[in-house]
Amino acid sequence: MKKTGSARTAKSASRKVVGETSGPGDWRKETLSNVRALIKEADPAVVEERKWKKASKPDGVPVWSHYGIICTGETYKNAVKLTFAKGAKLEDPKRLFNSSLEGNTRRAIDLHEGDRIDGPAFKALVRSAVELNVSSQRKRD
């Protein structure tokens, strides 16, 4: 997998995505915005882009990457789902993962209206995902 851009690219990509958001103007949009800020605090070099545009998701799905996908953020009627691409390989001492627990690869965090995420624990999870991506890249080089 190739390196995903510089800090400058990450900054402009995040700005672009924030401006493009035309999804729900309710708690889900606010939750996704809060998560976006936490991810950026955890990894200032993160690149955010929109992928997988389709009729049901015309703006696509926010995807945060650094040497590979860290996580995605999808909005549903009753939840915001943060899916970590390699979540099954990450330690989760604060037990943030509460969805997609049965698989061997991904893990997800479902946030519902009124839920608060543990910021320090979430940022630690993001940093662990980045470290895993970086170490996987080094093994390929």
C-alpha atoms as a PDB file:
ATOM      1  CA  MET A   1       0.000   0.000   0.000  1.00  0.00           C
ATOM      2  CA  LYS A   2       1.370   3.436  -0.785  1.00  0.00           C
ATOM      3  CA  LYS A   3       1.920   6.256   1.660  1.00  0.00           C
ATOM      4  CA  THR A   4      -1.215   8.369   1.927  1.00  0.00           C
ATOM      5  CA  GLY A   5      -0.103  11.923   1.434  1.00  0.00           C
ATOM      6  CA  SER A   6       1.548  14.621   3.445  1.00  0.00           C
ATOM      7  CA  ALA A   7       0.186  16.614   6.348  1.00  0.00           C
ATOM      8  CA  ARG A   8      -0.655  19.380   3.857  1.00  0.00           C
ATOM      9  CA  THR A   9      -2.713  16.961   1.757  1.00  0.00           C
ATOM     10  CA  ALA A  10      -4.438  15.676   4.875  1.00  0.00           C
ATOM     11  CA  LYS A  11      -5.376  19.202   5.928  1.00  0.00           C
ATOM     12  CA  SER A  12      -6.889  20.098   2.549  1.00  0.00           C
ATOM     13  CA  ALA A  13      -8.671  16.743   2.268  1.00  0.00           C
ATOM     14  CA  SER A  14     -10.251  17.168   5.709  1.00  0.00           C
ATOM     15  CA  ARG A  15     -11.337  20.691   4.886  1.00  0.00           C
ATOM     16  CA  LYS A  16     -12.868  19.496   1.619  1.00  0.00           C
ATOM     17  CA  VAL A  17     -14.831  16.704   3.255  1.00  0.00           C
ATOM     18  CA  VAL A  18     -16.161  18.904   6.046  1.00  0.00           C
ATOM     19  CA  GLY A  19     -17.433  21.379   3.458  1.00  0.00           C
ATOM     20  CA  GLU A  20     -19.036  18.655   1.351  1.00  0.00           C
ATOM     21  CA  THR A  21     -21.025  17.076   4.138  1.00  0.00           C
ATOM     22  CA  SER A  22     -24.672  17.274   3.188  1.00  0.00           C
ATOM     23  CA  GLY A  23     -25.791  14.301   5.225  1.00  0.00           C
ATOM     24  CA  PRO A  24     -28.132  14.464   8.176  1.00  0.00           C
ATOM     25  CA  GLY A  25     -28.108  17.841   9.910  1.00  0.00           C
ATOM     26  CA  ASP A  26     -28.851  16.312  13.283  1.00  0.00           C
ATOM     27  CA  TRP A  27     -26.955  14.454  16.000  1.00  0.00           C
ATOM     28  CA  ARG A  28     -25.324  12.125  13.452  1.00  0.00           C
ATOM     29  CA  LYS A  29     -23.576  14.973  11.635  1.00  0.00           C
ATOM     30  CA  GLU A  30     -22.425  16.434  14.965  1.00  0.00           C
ATOM     31  CA  THR A  31     -21.187  13.015  16.142  1.00  0.00           C
ATOM     32  CA  LEU A  32     -19.240  12.498  12.913  1.00  0.00           C
ATOM     33  CA  SER A  33     -17.745  15.979  13.250  1.00  0.00           C
ATOM     34  CA  ASN A  34     -16.627  15.213  16.824  1.00  0.00           C
ATOM     35  CA  VAL A  35     -15.100  11.905  15.729  1.00  0.00           C
ATOM     36  CA  ARG A  36     -13.322  13.673  12.868  1.00  0.00           C
ATOM     37  CA  ALA A  37     -11.733  16.095  15.353  1.00  0.00           C
ATOM     38  CA  LEU A  38     -10.597  13.248  17.630  1.00  0.00           C
ATOM     39  CA  ILE A  39      -9.040  11.383  14.710  1.00  0.00           C
ATOM     40  CA  LYS A  40      -7.217  14.525  13.591  1.00  0.00           C
ATOM     41  CA  GLU A  41      -5.930  15.093  17.150  1.00  0.00           C
ATOM     42  CA  ALA A  42      -4.714  11.496  17.339  1.00  0.00           C
ATOM     43  CA  ASP A  43      -2.969  11.648  13.958  1.00  0.00           C
ATOM     44  CA  PRO A  44      -2.418  15.091  12.451  1.00  0.00           C
ATOM     45  CA  ALA A  45      -1.080  13.439   9.262  1.00  0.00           C
ATOM     46  CA  VAL A  46      -4.310  11.512   8.641  1.00  0.00           C
ATOM     47  CA  VAL A  47      -5.881  11.792   5.198  1.00  0.00           C
ATOM     48  CA  GLU A  48      -9.648  11.960   4.969  1.00  0.00           C
ATOM     49  CA  GLU A  49     -11.540  11.360   1.768  1.00  0.00           C
ATOM     50  CA  ARG A  50     -14.950  10.222   0.569  1.00  0.00           C
ATOM     51  CA  LYS A  51     -15.274   6.805  -1.044  1.00  0.00           C
ATOM     52  CA  TRP A  52     -17.978   4.460  -2.244  1.00  0.00           C
ATOM     53  CA  LYS A  53     -20.500   7.003  -3.517  1.00  0.00           C
ATOM     54  CA  LYS A  54     -23.855   5.495  -4.455  1.00  0.00           C
ATOM     55  CA  ALA A  55     -27.524   6.455  -4.600  1.00  0.00           C
ATOM     56  CA  SER A  56     -28.105   5.803  -0.894  1.00  0.00           C
ATOM     57  CA  LYS A  57     -24.870   7.649   0.037  1.00  0.00           C
ATOM     58  CA  PRO A  58     -24.407  10.340  -2.648  1.00  0.00           C
ATOM     59  CA  ASP A  59     -21.627  12.047  -0.666  1.00  0.00           C
ATOM     60  CA  GLY A  60     -19.870   8.737  -0.090  1.00  0.00           C
ATOM     61  CA  VAL A  61     -18.417   7.454   3.156  1.00  0.00           C
ATOM     62  CA  PRO A  62     -15.710   9.304   5.089  1.00  0.00           C
ATOM     63  CA  VAL A  63     -12.541   7.209   5.154  1.00  0.00           C
ATOM     64  CA  TRP A  64      -9.536   8.097   7.304  1.00  0.00           C
ATOM     65  CA  SER A  65      -6.174   6.695   6.166  1.00  0.00           C
ATOM     66  CA  HIS A  66      -2.511   6.692   7.059  1.00  0.00           C
ATOM     67  CA  TYR A  67      -0.508   3.983   5.284  1.00  0.00           C
ATOM     68  CA  GLY A  68      -3.841   2.243   4.762  1.00  0.00           C
ATOM     69  CA  ILE A  69      -7.367   2.628   6.050  1.00  0.00           C
ATOM     70  CA  ILE A  70      -7.687   3.428   9.743  1.00  0.00           C
ATOM     71  CA  CYS A  71     -11.471   3.573   9.881  1.00  0.00           C
ATOM     72  CA  THR A  72     -14.635   4.601   8.084  1.00  0.00           C
ATOM     73  CA  GLY A  73     -17.578   6.572   9.414  1.00  0.00           C
ATOM     74  CA  GLU A  74     -21.038   5.709   8.149  1.00  0.00           C
ATOM     75  CA  THR A  75     -24.285   7.318   9.223  1.00  0.00           C
ATOM     76  CA  TYR A  76     -27.445   5.281   9.570  1.00  0.00           C
ATOM     77  CA  LYS A  77     -30.907   6.200  10.805  1.00  0.00           C
ATOM     78  CA  ASN A  78     -30.162   5.207  14.405  1.00  0.00           C
ATOM     79  CA  ALA A  79     -26.361   5.123  14.586  1.00  0.00           C
ATOM     80  CA  VAL A  80     -22.995   6.354  13.454  1.00  0.00           C
ATOM     81  CA  LYS A  81     -20.796   3.326  12.741  1.00  0.00           C
ATOM     82  CA  LEU A  82     -17.026   3.675  12.964  1.00  0.00           C
ATOM     83  CA  THR A  83     -15.477   0.608  11.374  1.00  0.00           C
ATOM     84  CA  PHE A  84     -11.785  -0.053  11.931  1.00  0.00           C
ATOM     85  CA  ALA A  85     -10.335  -1.953   8.970  1.00  0.00           C
ATOM     86  CA  LYS A  86      -7.952  -4.026  11.117  1.00  0.00           C
ATOM     87  CA  GLY A  87      -9.843  -3.700  14.384  1.00  0.00           C
ATOM     88  CA  ALA A  88      -9.561  -7.385  15.309  1.00  0.00           C
ATOM     89  CA  LYS A  89      -5.782  -6.924  15.594  1.00  0.00           C
ATOM     90  CA  LEU A  90      -6.055  -3.933  17.930  1.00  0.00           C
ATOM     91  CA  GLU A  91      -6.087  -4.044  21.692  1.00  0.00           C
ATOM     92  CA  ASP A  92      -9.213  -2.400  23.081  1.00  0.00           C
ATOM     93  CA  PRO A  93      -8.714  -2.169  26.848  1.00  0.00           C
ATOM     94  CA  LYS A  94     -11.595   0.310  27.266  1.00  0.00           C
ATOM     95  CA  ARG A  95     -13.907  -1.945  25.230  1.00  0.00           C
ATOM     96  CA  LEU A  96     -14.966   0.709  22.744  1.00  0.00           C
ATOM     97  CA  PHE A  97     -15.713  -1.877  20.062  1.00  0.00           C
ATOM     98  CA  ASN A  98     -19.348  -2.873  20.396  1.00  0.00           C
ATOM     99  CA  SER A  99     -20.206  -4.097  16.896  1.00  0.00           C
ATOM    100  CA  SER A 100     -18.872  -6.485  14.241  1.00  0.00           C
ATOM    101  CA  LEU A 101     -17.153  -8.468  16.994  1.00  0.00           C
ATOM    102  CA  GLU A 102     -17.546 -11.873  15.374  1.00  0.00           C
ATOM    103  CA  GLY A 103     -15.234 -11.309  12.402  1.00  0.00           C
ATOM    104  CA  ASN A 104     -11.512 -11.922  12.113  1.00  0.00           C
ATOM    105  CA  THR A 105     -10.642  -8.544  10.599  1.00  0.00           C
ATOM    106  CA  ARG A 106     -12.898  -5.564  11.278  1.00  0.00           C
ATOM    107  CA  ARG A 107     -14.317  -4.176  14.487  1.00  0.00           C
ATOM    108  CA  ALA A 108     -16.762  -1.303  14.830  1.00  0.00           C
ATOM    109  CA  ILE A 109     -18.042   1.227  17.300  1.00  0.00           C
ATOM    110  CA  ASP A 110     -21.738   2.045  17.009  1.00  0.00           C
ATOM    111  CA  LEU A 111     -22.677   5.403  18.470  1.00  0.00           C
ATOM    112  CA  HIS A 112     -26.336   6.188  19.093  1.00  0.00           C
ATOM    113  CA  GLU A 113     -28.022   9.477  19.872  1.00  0.00           C
ATOM    114  CA  GLY A 114     -26.825  10.732  23.257  1.00  0.00           C
ATOM    115  CA  ASP A 115     -23.771   8.429  23.361  1.00  0.00           C
ATOM    116  CA  ARG A 116     -20.449   9.951  24.305  1.00  0.00           C
ATOM    117  CA  ILE A 117     -17.197   8.434  23.182  1.00  0.00           C
ATOM    118  CA  ASP A 118     -14.215   8.199  25.548  1.00  0.00           C
ATOM    119  CA  GLY A 119     -11.927  10.662  23.726  1.00  0.00           C
ATOM    120  CA  PRO A 120      -8.568   9.546  25.148  1.00  0.00           C
ATOM    121  CA  ALA A 121      -9.387   5.852  24.620  1.00  0.00           C
ATOM    122  CA  PHE A 122     -10.616   6.513  21.065  1.00  0.00           C
ATOM    123  CA  LYS A 123      -7.487   8.489  20.181  1.00  0.00           C
ATOM    124  CA  ALA A 124      -5.337   5.659  21.575  1.00  0.00           C
ATOM    125  CA  LEU A 125      -7.249   3.218  19.347  1.00  0.00           C
ATOM    126  CA  VAL A 126      -6.648   5.447  16.306  1.00  0.00           C
ATOM    127  CA  ARG A 127      -2.931   5.701  17.106  1.00  0.00           C
ATOM    128  CA  SER A 128      -2.753   1.909  17.459  1.00  0.00           C
ATOM    129  CA  ALA A 129      -4.407   1.490  14.062  1.00  0.00           C
ATOM    130  CA  VAL A 130      -1.872   3.868  12.506  1.00  0.00           C
ATOM    131  CA  GLU A 131       1.015   2.000  14.161  1.00  0.00           C
ATOM    132  CA  LEU A 132      -0.325  -1.284  12.788  1.00  0.00           C
ATOM    133  CA  ASN A 133      -0.586   0.204   9.289  1.00  0.00           C
ATOM    134  CA  VAL A 134       2.938   1.611   9.502  1.00  0.00           C
ATOM    135  CA  SER A 135       4.410  -1.677  10.740  1.00  0.00           C
ATOM    136  CA  SER A 136       2.603  -3.585   7.982  1.00  0.00           C
ATOM    137  CA  GLN A 137       4.061  -1.171   5.416  1.00  0.00           C
ATOM    138  CA  ARG A 138       7.578  -1.605   6.780  1.00  0.00           C
ATOM    139  CA  LYS A 139       7.293  -5.387   6.412  1.00  0.00           C
ATOM    140  CA  ARG A 140       6.445  -4.903   2.721  1.00  0.00           C
ATOM    141  CA  ASP A 141       9.366  -2.531   2.050  1.00  0.00           C
END
